[in-house]
Amino acid sequence: MLIGSDRTRPPGRNPVPAPGQPDKAGQGGSRRVIGVDVARGLALVGIIIVNVFPPSAGGTATAEWAVLAGRPAALFALIAGISIALLTGGRRTPAGRAMTANRAGLALRALLITSIGLLLGPTDTTVAIILPYYGILFLLAVPLLGLGRRTLLGLSVVFAVLGPVAMQLVRASWPDMPQIQDEYSFSLAAAQPGVFLTDMLLTGFYPALPWVAYICVGIAVGRMDLTSRKVAAVLLAAGSALAAFMWLLSMVLLGPGGGLNRIVAATPLLSREEINSILIFGGNVDTSAETLPATTGWWLAILSPYTSTPVTILHTLGIALAALGAVLLLVPLLGGTAGPLAAMGSMTLTLYSAHVIVLATEILDESRPVMSITIQCIVFLLAAVLWRNAIGKGPLESVVAVSTAWLRTLVLNRGRPTRQPAD
């Protein structure tokens, strides 16, 4: 989520640009696409809504949950891949020492994001902190940087299908697997390194191996001309088609295909009501199953939030692509009105961390979710605009950018002969 350029600007020299116009940023001469920042800002708003609104009311899913659950996080992951592409050359993939520098910078970025997430762990919030998972995703993206678009798209299908299979195989072979942690701290990760890595990669709320599919597609999309309306229209159409197809496929597999009946027959420890609850709310609900059950392979055919099944991954990927395409088409028509949202989207690492702290400290009334969401969004929008116009990058974004820029420069200059002063 995060991602800003590794280049810094003098204070007061980073005003919010007009939407539709690229803003110079990034490495290797890449340019920041304002529509991507707007989409990232919308994803943050979606995350806030999902985290604040209750998932159910009177035993049924709320409209906010039904529409948004799991989808803003998928959009974040897709845009993370796009940001990786923009940070490492955009449409031009560097080679040689420049590629080595990009890989080193991305690896350090991954470690910093993971560290920030682990520092937020002791806040004891009520939501699963996504940053450690994103850090692992960035680390897994390091070997993907030099790959072409077709290879990346092919790998996305592999990860979307085989990642969930591996996830369920681990669950089936580890019946007494520890309960998933909502948030990990440095001390907890150090005390249980095996459990921590297993959660991060396969069994947690946002398992990295299945979710690499979003990163692969994001990098491929980031290598395209995102200022082109034709590209935006293709993203909208292709994403919509993918999302609709995966929804229909799940319905056919579970209904006429007999999948739901086989799930019920293979999972006698869960009642039909509990199974229906998993279908609506995901695998981490208040049932006798703490995670998505692994009693039969038919569980992989369900489309449910935060289950990371192949159907869910590809459906939410389609939604994310369609949302991005729609935003890229609309932003040039909105004029300066999208500027504040773009500013918010340019510093989501800082603002997401602030959101976690707000939830942990309970300074806003949880029983009044509309008020809480409204206050957070307004404060974050104002803070983002003021900070970006006065200083530039967000505070945490600056730490990441300066650190990775230092390492990239170190790698680029390694082994180069130093100039001797003239006599």
Protein backbone atom coordinates (compact mmCIF):
# COMPACT_ATOMS: atom_id res chain seq x y z
CA MET A 1 0.00 0.00 0.00
CA LEU A 2 2.14 2.73 0.54
CA ILE A 3 4.19 3.76 -2.02
CA GLY A 4 5.90 6.91 -2.86
CA SER A 5 8.91 7.78 -4.87
CA ASP A 6 12.41 7.50 -3.54
CA ARG A 7 13.09 11.06 -4.56
CA THR A 8 12.45 13.84 -2.11
CA ARG A 9 11.35 17.39 -2.81
CA PRO A 10 12.05 20.60 -0.97
CA PRO A 11 9.41 21.67 1.56
CA GLY A 12 6.57 23.58 -0.02
CA ARG A 13 7.40 22.29 -3.50
CA ASN A 14 4.99 19.37 -3.73
CA PRO A 15 1.51 20.80 -4.36
CA VAL A 16 -1.41 18.56 -5.20
CA PRO A 17 -1.30 18.29 -9.00
CA ALA A 18 -4.36 18.52 -11.17
CA PRO A 19 -5.94 15.12 -11.73
CA GLY A 20 -5.28 13.65 -15.11
CA GLN A 21 -1.81 15.14 -15.22
CA PRO A 22 1.14 12.94 -14.30
CA ASP A 23 3.28 14.12 -11.43
CA LYS A 24 6.98 13.42 -11.65
CA ALA A 25 7.91 10.83 -9.10
CA GLY A 26 9.57 7.50 -8.76
CA GLN A 27 12.75 5.97 -9.92
CA GLY A 28 14.14 5.52 -13.34
CA GLY A 29 12.30 8.53 -14.74
CA SER A 30 8.86 7.12 -13.98
CA ARG A 31 5.98 9.51 -13.42
CA ARG A 32 3.33 9.39 -10.74
CA VAL A 33 -0.15 8.74 -12.15
CA ILE A 34 -2.63 10.78 -10.14
CA GLY A 35 -5.48 8.38 -10.90
CA VAL A 36 -3.57 5.63 -9.12
CA ASP A 37 -3.27 7.85 -6.03
CA VAL A 38 -7.01 8.54 -6.17
CA ALA A 39 -7.76 4.81 -6.40
CA ARG A 40 -5.46 4.17 -3.44
CA GLY A 41 -7.22 6.89 -1.47
CA LEU A 42 -10.59 5.28 -2.23
CA ALA A 43 -9.20 1.92 -1.11
CA LEU A 44 -8.19 3.48 2.21
CA VAL A 45 -11.69 4.89 2.66
CA GLY A 46 -13.07 1.41 1.93
CA ILE A 47 -10.74 -0.13 4.52
CA ILE A 48 -11.90 2.41 7.11
CA ILE A 49 -15.56 1.65 6.37
CA VAL A 50 -15.06 -2.12 6.62
CA ASN A 51 -13.08 -1.81 9.86
CA VAL A 52 -15.55 0.53 11.56
CA PHE A 53 -18.96 -0.69 10.44
CA PRO A 54 -20.20 -3.90 12.10
CA PRO A 55 -20.28 -6.82 9.66
CA SER A 56 -23.77 -7.89 10.68
CA ALA A 57 -26.98 -6.46 12.08
CA GLY A 58 -29.75 -8.70 13.32
CA GLY A 59 -27.96 -11.79 12.08
CA THR A 60 -27.63 -10.61 8.48
CA ALA A 61 -24.72 -8.95 6.73
CA THR A 62 -24.77 -5.17 6.61
CA ALA A 63 -24.79 -3.51 3.21
CA GLU A 64 -21.31 -2.13 3.87
CA TRP A 65 -19.96 -5.62 4.51
CA ALA A 66 -21.75 -7.18 1.54
CA VAL A 67 -20.41 -4.57 -0.87
CA LEU A 68 -16.93 -3.86 0.48
CA ALA A 69 -15.58 -6.74 2.60
CA GLY A 70 -12.25 -7.88 1.20
CA ARG A 71 -12.39 -5.67 -1.87
CA PRO A 72 -10.52 -2.54 -0.69
CA ALA A 73 -7.64 -4.74 0.51
CA ALA A 74 -7.49 -6.39 -2.92
CA LEU A 75 -7.38 -2.96 -4.57
CA PHE A 76 -4.54 -1.99 -2.23
CA ALA A 77 -2.61 -5.10 -3.23
CA LEU A 78 -3.14 -4.47 -6.94
CA ILE A 79 -2.00 -0.86 -6.58
CA ALA A 80 1.00 -2.03 -4.56
CA GLY A 81 2.10 -3.98 -7.63
CA ILE A 82 1.50 -0.95 -9.85
CA SER A 83 3.53 1.21 -7.48
CA ILE A 84 6.37 -1.31 -7.56
CA ALA A 85 6.39 -1.04 -11.36
CA LEU A 86 6.34 2.77 -11.28
CA LEU A 87 9.12 2.86 -8.70
CA THR A 88 11.35 0.56 -10.74
CA GLY A 89 11.24 2.17 -14.16
CA GLY A 90 7.61 2.29 -15.21
CA ARG A 91 7.24 1.12 -18.81
CA ARG A 92 11.02 0.76 -19.12
CA THR A 93 12.50 -2.12 -17.17
CA PRO A 94 16.12 -1.37 -16.23
CA ALA A 95 18.85 -3.98 -16.32
CA GLY A 96 22.27 -4.57 -14.84
CA ARG A 97 23.30 -2.53 -11.84
CA ALA A 98 20.11 -0.45 -11.98
CA MET A 99 18.00 -3.59 -11.62
CA THR A 100 20.17 -4.76 -8.72
CA ALA A 101 19.64 -1.39 -7.05
CA ASN A 102 15.89 -1.65 -7.59
CA ARG A 103 15.82 -5.12 -6.05
CA ALA A 104 17.80 -3.94 -3.04
CA GLY A 105 15.56 -0.91 -2.57
CA LEU A 106 12.42 -3.04 -2.80
CA ALA A 107 13.77 -5.56 -0.28
CA LEU A 108 14.53 -2.76 2.19
CA ARG A 109 11.09 -1.28 1.56
CA ALA A 110 9.57 -4.66 2.39
CA LEU A 111 11.48 -4.87 5.68
CA LEU A 112 10.47 -1.34 6.66
CA ILE A 113 6.78 -1.95 5.94
CA THR A 114 6.88 -5.19 7.91
CA SER A 115 8.61 -3.42 10.79
CA ILE A 116 6.01 -0.65 10.89
CA GLY A 117 3.28 -3.28 10.96
CA LEU A 118 4.96 -5.14 13.81
CA LEU A 119 5.38 -1.88 15.73
CA LEU A 120 1.61 -1.38 15.46
CA GLY A 121 0.98 -4.88 16.82
CA PRO A 122 1.04 -3.98 20.54
CA THR A 123 -1.69 -1.36 19.99
CA ASP A 124 -4.18 -4.19 20.57
CA THR A 125 -6.64 -3.05 17.95
CA THR A 126 -9.70 -5.05 16.94
CA VAL A 127 -8.73 -5.48 13.27
CA ALA A 128 -6.13 -7.56 11.48
CA ILE A 129 -3.18 -5.27 10.69
CA ILE A 130 -2.36 -5.72 7.04
CA LEU A 131 1.13 -4.17 6.93
CA PRO A 132 3.23 -7.22 7.89
CA TYR A 133 1.53 -9.21 5.13
CA TYR A 134 2.19 -6.40 2.66
CA GLY A 135 5.82 -6.32 3.67
CA ILE A 136 6.13 -10.03 2.88
CA LEU A 137 4.35 -9.40 -0.44
CA PHE A 138 6.93 -6.77 -1.35
CA LEU A 139 9.72 -9.18 -0.48
CA LEU A 140 8.20 -11.86 -2.70
CA ALA A 141 8.00 -9.29 -5.50
CA VAL A 142 11.79 -8.81 -5.62
CA PRO A 143 12.43 -11.65 -8.12
CA LEU A 144 9.47 -10.53 -10.24
CA LEU A 145 10.91 -7.17 -11.26
CA GLY A 146 12.59 -8.24 -14.49
CA LEU A 147 9.71 -10.33 -15.83
CA GLY A 148 7.57 -9.41 -18.83
CA ARG A 149 3.84 -8.74 -18.74
CA ARG A 150 2.77 -12.10 -20.17
CA THR A 151 4.94 -14.00 -17.72
CA LEU A 152 3.57 -11.96 -14.82
CA LEU A 153 -0.03 -12.57 -15.87
CA GLY A 154 0.67 -16.29 -16.18
CA LEU A 155 2.26 -16.36 -12.74
CA SER A 156 -0.74 -14.54 -11.30
CA VAL A 157 -2.97 -17.44 -12.31
CA VAL A 158 -0.49 -19.94 -10.86
CA PHE A 159 -0.36 -18.14 -7.51
CA ALA A 160 -4.14 -17.59 -7.46
CA VAL A 161 -4.78 -21.31 -7.94
CA LEU A 162 -1.86 -23.12 -6.32
CA GLY A 163 -1.43 -20.68 -3.42
CA PRO A 164 -4.87 -21.49 -1.95
CA VAL A 165 -4.30 -25.20 -2.58
CA ALA A 166 -1.09 -25.02 -0.52
CA MET A 167 -2.95 -23.00 2.12
CA GLN A 168 -5.57 -25.72 2.54
CA LEU A 169 -3.00 -28.52 2.48
CA VAL A 170 -1.17 -26.87 5.39
CA ARG A 171 -4.40 -26.52 7.33
CA ALA A 172 -5.36 -30.14 6.66
CA SER A 173 -1.96 -31.43 7.79
CA TRP A 174 -1.84 -29.19 10.90
CA PRO A 175 -5.07 -29.94 12.79
CA ASP A 176 -3.89 -28.24 16.00
CA MET A 177 -2.66 -25.14 14.18
CA PRO A 178 -2.51 -22.11 16.52
CA GLN A 179 -5.22 -19.51 16.16
CA ILE A 180 -4.50 -16.76 13.67
CA GLN A 181 -3.27 -13.56 15.31
CA ASP A 182 -5.08 -10.32 14.49
CA GLU A 183 -1.85 -8.43 14.98
CA TYR A 184 1.76 -9.52 15.34
CA SER A 185 4.40 -7.65 17.33
CA PHE A 186 8.17 -8.08 17.16
CA SER A 187 8.12 -10.08 20.39
CA LEU A 188 5.31 -12.40 19.26
CA ALA A 189 6.91 -12.98 15.86
CA ALA A 190 10.26 -13.74 17.51
CA ALA A 191 8.65 -16.10 20.03
CA GLN A 192 6.85 -18.09 17.30
CA PRO A 193 8.83 -17.57 14.08
CA GLY A 194 7.46 -20.70 12.41
CA VAL A 195 3.85 -19.80 13.15
CA PHE A 196 4.50 -16.19 12.11
CA LEU A 197 5.94 -17.16 8.72
CA THR A 198 3.22 -19.74 8.12
CA ASP A 199 0.55 -17.14 8.85
CA MET A 200 2.24 -14.52 6.69
CA LEU A 201 2.65 -16.87 3.73
CA LEU A 202 -0.33 -19.22 3.84
CA THR A 203 -2.74 -19.27 6.75
CA GLY A 204 -3.20 -15.69 7.95
CA PHE A 205 -5.81 -13.09 7.11
CA TYR A 206 -3.96 -11.92 3.97
CA PRO A 207 -1.73 -14.89 3.03
CA ALA A 208 1.12 -13.69 0.85
CA LEU A 209 1.51 -16.66 -1.50
CA PRO A 210 -2.07 -16.52 -2.85
CA TRP A 211 -1.99 -12.71 -2.74
CA VAL A 212 1.11 -12.50 -4.92
CA ALA A 213 -1.42 -12.85 -7.74
CA TYR A 214 -2.45 -9.21 -7.14
CA ILE A 215 1.18 -8.09 -7.16
CA CYS A 216 1.94 -9.89 -10.43
CA VAL A 217 -1.02 -8.30 -12.19
CA GLY A 218 -0.23 -4.94 -10.61
CA ILE A 219 3.35 -4.95 -11.89
CA ALA A 220 2.09 -5.94 -15.35
CA VAL A 221 -0.47 -3.13 -15.32
CA GLY A 222 2.13 -0.68 -14.04
CA ARG A 223 4.26 -1.38 -17.12
CA MET A 224 1.39 -0.09 -19.29
CA ASP A 225 0.55 3.50 -20.21
CA LEU A 226 -1.83 4.36 -17.39
CA THR A 227 -2.47 7.83 -18.84
CA SER A 228 -4.16 6.19 -21.86
CA ARG A 229 -7.96 6.16 -21.83
CA LYS A 230 -7.85 3.02 -23.99
CA VAL A 231 -5.82 1.21 -21.33
CA ALA A 232 -8.24 2.41 -18.63
CA ALA A 233 -11.22 1.16 -20.65
CA VAL A 234 -9.57 -2.23 -21.13
CA LEU A 235 -8.94 -2.50 -17.38
CA LEU A 236 -12.57 -1.64 -16.66
CA ALA A 237 -13.97 -4.12 -19.19
CA ALA A 238 -11.56 -6.97 -18.45
CA GLY A 239 -11.91 -6.55 -14.70
CA SER A 240 -15.69 -6.51 -14.86
CA ALA A 241 -15.72 -9.63 -17.04
CA LEU A 242 -13.32 -11.48 -14.73
CA ALA A 243 -15.30 -10.57 -11.61
CA ALA A 244 -18.62 -11.60 -13.17
CA PHE A 245 -17.22 -14.87 -14.53
CA MET A 246 -15.73 -15.91 -11.18
CA TRP A 247 -18.98 -15.09 -9.37
CA LEU A 248 -20.94 -17.18 -11.89
CA LEU A 249 -18.39 -20.00 -11.69
CA SER A 250 -18.72 -20.18 -7.90
CA MET A 251 -22.52 -20.21 -8.13
CA VAL A 252 -22.43 -23.07 -10.65
CA LEU A 253 -19.86 -25.11 -8.72
CA LEU A 254 -21.67 -24.78 -5.40
CA GLY A 255 -25.19 -25.14 -6.81
CA PRO A 256 -25.67 -27.35 -9.89
CA GLY A 257 -22.17 -28.74 -9.42
CA GLY A 258 -23.10 -30.06 -5.99
CA GLY A 259 -20.24 -28.34 -4.18
CA LEU A 260 -22.26 -26.97 -1.28
CA ASN A 261 -23.84 -30.34 -0.53
CA ARG A 262 -20.40 -31.95 -0.54
CA ILE A 263 -19.09 -29.28 1.83
CA VAL A 264 -21.95 -29.96 4.23
CA ALA A 265 -21.41 -33.72 4.04
CA ALA A 266 -17.64 -33.44 4.57
CA THR A 267 -17.88 -31.00 7.49
CA PRO A 268 -20.13 -32.58 10.12
CA LEU A 269 -18.64 -30.52 12.96
CA LEU A 270 -20.23 -27.39 11.51
CA SER A 271 -23.95 -26.81 11.29
CA ARG A 272 -25.56 -25.63 8.07
CA GLU A 273 -25.97 -22.20 9.67
CA GLU A 274 -22.25 -22.03 10.49
CA ILE A 275 -21.35 -23.02 6.94
CA ASN A 276 -23.67 -20.32 5.59
CA SER A 277 -21.98 -17.87 7.97
CA ILE A 278 -18.59 -18.74 6.47
CA LEU A 279 -20.01 -18.20 2.98
CA ILE A 280 -21.13 -14.70 3.99
CA PHE A 281 -18.50 -13.52 6.46
CA GLY A 282 -15.42 -15.59 5.60
CA GLY A 283 -13.38 -18.18 7.43
CA ASN A 284 -12.57 -16.11 10.50
CA VAL A 285 -16.04 -15.89 11.98
CA ASP A 286 -17.50 -16.90 15.31
CA THR A 287 -18.01 -20.60 14.54
CA SER A 288 -16.35 -23.76 15.77
CA ALA A 289 -13.92 -23.31 12.86
CA GLU A 290 -11.35 -20.58 13.47
CA THR A 291 -10.20 -20.60 9.85
CA LEU A 292 -11.55 -21.80 6.53
CA PRO A 293 -12.10 -25.54 7.05
CA ALA A 294 -10.01 -27.97 5.02
CA THR A 295 -12.36 -30.94 5.13
CA THR A 296 -12.82 -31.02 1.36
CA GLY A 297 -11.39 -29.36 -1.72
CA TRP A 298 -14.82 -27.95 -2.48
CA TRP A 299 -14.14 -25.18 0.03
CA LEU A 300 -11.87 -23.70 -2.64
CA ALA A 301 -14.93 -23.06 -4.80
CA ILE A 302 -16.55 -20.58 -2.40
CA LEU A 303 -16.56 -16.84 -2.97
CA SER A 304 -16.35 -15.30 0.48
CA PRO A 305 -14.42 -12.39 2.04
CA TYR A 306 -10.94 -13.06 3.41
CA THR A 307 -10.96 -16.75 2.46
CA SER A 308 -8.29 -16.38 -0.26
CA THR A 309 -9.78 -19.16 -2.37
CA PRO A 310 -8.97 -19.11 -6.11
CA VAL A 311 -12.48 -17.87 -6.86
CA THR A 312 -12.25 -15.13 -4.24
CA ILE A 313 -8.77 -14.01 -5.33
CA LEU A 314 -9.70 -13.79 -9.01
CA HIS A 315 -13.10 -12.21 -8.36
CA THR A 316 -11.67 -9.47 -6.14
CA LEU A 317 -8.81 -9.00 -8.61
CA GLY A 318 -11.42 -8.34 -11.29
CA ILE A 319 -13.23 -5.87 -9.03
CA ALA A 320 -9.93 -4.10 -8.33
CA LEU A 321 -9.03 -3.86 -12.03
CA ALA A 322 -12.49 -2.54 -12.88
CA ALA A 323 -12.36 0.01 -10.06
CA LEU A 324 -8.92 1.20 -11.16
CA GLY A 325 -10.05 1.49 -14.78
CA ALA A 326 -13.13 3.46 -13.77
CA VAL A 327 -11.08 5.84 -11.63
CA LEU A 328 -8.52 6.39 -14.40
CA LEU A 329 -11.37 7.26 -16.77
CA LEU A 330 -13.17 9.57 -14.35
CA VAL A 331 -10.31 11.47 -12.73
CA PRO A 332 -9.48 13.65 -15.78
CA LEU A 333 -13.14 14.71 -15.87
CA LEU A 334 -13.24 15.76 -12.22
CA GLY A 335 -10.72 18.57 -12.41
CA GLY A 336 -9.24 19.68 -9.11
CA THR A 337 -11.97 18.04 -7.02
CA ALA A 338 -10.04 14.76 -6.96
CA GLY A 339 -6.86 16.44 -5.72
CA PRO A 340 -7.52 15.96 -1.99
CA LEU A 341 -8.27 12.27 -2.49
CA ALA A 342 -5.06 11.93 -4.49
CA ALA A 343 -3.14 13.57 -1.64
CA MET A 344 -4.73 11.11 0.78
CA GLY A 345 -3.79 8.24 -1.50
CA SER A 346 -0.18 9.40 -1.69
CA MET A 347 0.39 8.81 2.03
CA THR A 348 -1.68 5.75 2.90
CA LEU A 349 1.10 4.17 4.95
CA THR A 350 0.93 7.06 7.40
CA LEU A 351 -2.86 7.38 7.31
CA TYR A 352 -3.52 3.65 7.65
CA SER A 353 -1.22 3.58 10.68
CA ALA A 354 -3.13 6.54 12.12
CA HIS A 355 -6.39 4.69 11.49
CA VAL A 356 -5.12 1.65 13.42
CA ILE A 357 -4.14 3.89 16.34
CA VAL A 358 -7.57 5.58 16.29
CA LEU A 359 -9.25 2.18 16.55
CA ALA A 360 -6.88 0.98 19.27
CA THR A 361 -7.29 4.07 21.46
CA GLU A 362 -11.09 4.14 20.97
CA ILE A 363 -11.07 7.93 20.89
CA LEU A 364 -14.10 7.78 18.59
CA ASP A 365 -17.38 6.20 19.63
CA GLU A 366 -17.54 2.71 18.09
CA SER A 367 -21.32 2.64 18.55
CA ARG A 368 -21.64 5.51 16.06
CA PRO A 369 -19.79 4.19 13.00
CA VAL A 370 -21.02 6.85 10.57
CA MET A 371 -19.67 9.62 12.78
CA SER A 372 -16.37 7.78 13.28
CA ILE A 373 -15.88 7.20 9.55
CA THR A 374 -16.83 10.77 8.68
CA ILE A 375 -14.43 12.27 11.22
CA GLN A 376 -11.55 10.03 10.16
CA CYS A 377 -12.03 10.68 6.45
CA ILE A 378 -12.34 14.45 6.84
CA VAL A 379 -9.34 14.70 9.17
CA PHE A 380 -7.23 12.45 6.95
CA LEU A 381 -8.17 14.41 3.81
CA LEU A 382 -7.35 17.76 5.38
CA ALA A 383 -4.14 16.50 6.94
CA ALA A 384 -3.00 14.94 3.66
CA VAL A 385 -3.62 18.10 1.63
CA LEU A 386 -1.96 20.40 4.16
CA TRP A 387 1.03 18.11 4.68
CA ARG A 388 1.61 17.47 1.00
CA ASN A 389 1.39 21.15 0.06
CA ALA A 390 3.64 22.23 2.93
CA ILE A 391 6.17 19.40 3.18
CA GLY A 392 5.67 16.73 0.53
CA LYS A 393 5.67 13.06 1.38
CA GLY A 394 3.90 11.69 4.41
CA PRO A 395 6.05 11.12 7.51
CA LEU A 396 6.34 7.35 7.20
CA GLU A 397 6.58 7.57 3.42
CA SER A 398 9.55 9.90 3.84
CA VAL A 399 11.33 7.44 6.13
CA VAL A 400 10.84 4.66 3.60
CA ALA A 401 11.79 6.84 0.62
CA VAL A 402 14.97 8.25 2.16
CA SER A 403 16.12 4.83 3.38
CA THR A 404 15.53 3.06 0.08
CA ALA A 405 17.04 5.93 -1.93
CA TRP A 406 20.19 5.70 0.19
CA LEU A 407 20.49 1.96 -0.43
CA ARG A 408 19.83 2.31 -4.16
CA THR A 409 22.51 4.96 -4.45
CA LEU A 410 24.92 2.80 -2.48
CA VAL A 411 24.33 -0.15 -4.82
CA LEU A 412 24.54 1.99 -7.95
CA ASN A 413 27.86 3.51 -6.88
CA ARG A 414 29.40 0.27 -5.62
CA GLY A 415 32.55 -0.60 -7.50
CA ARG A 416 32.65 2.62 -9.48
CA PRO A 417 36.09 4.25 -9.54
CA THR A 418 36.30 7.48 -7.60
CA ARG A 419 37.59 10.53 -9.41
CA GLN A 420 41.00 11.75 -8.34
CA PRO A 421 41.51 15.50 -7.96
CA ALA A 422 43.62 17.10 -10.67
CA ASP A 423 47.14 18.11 -9.76
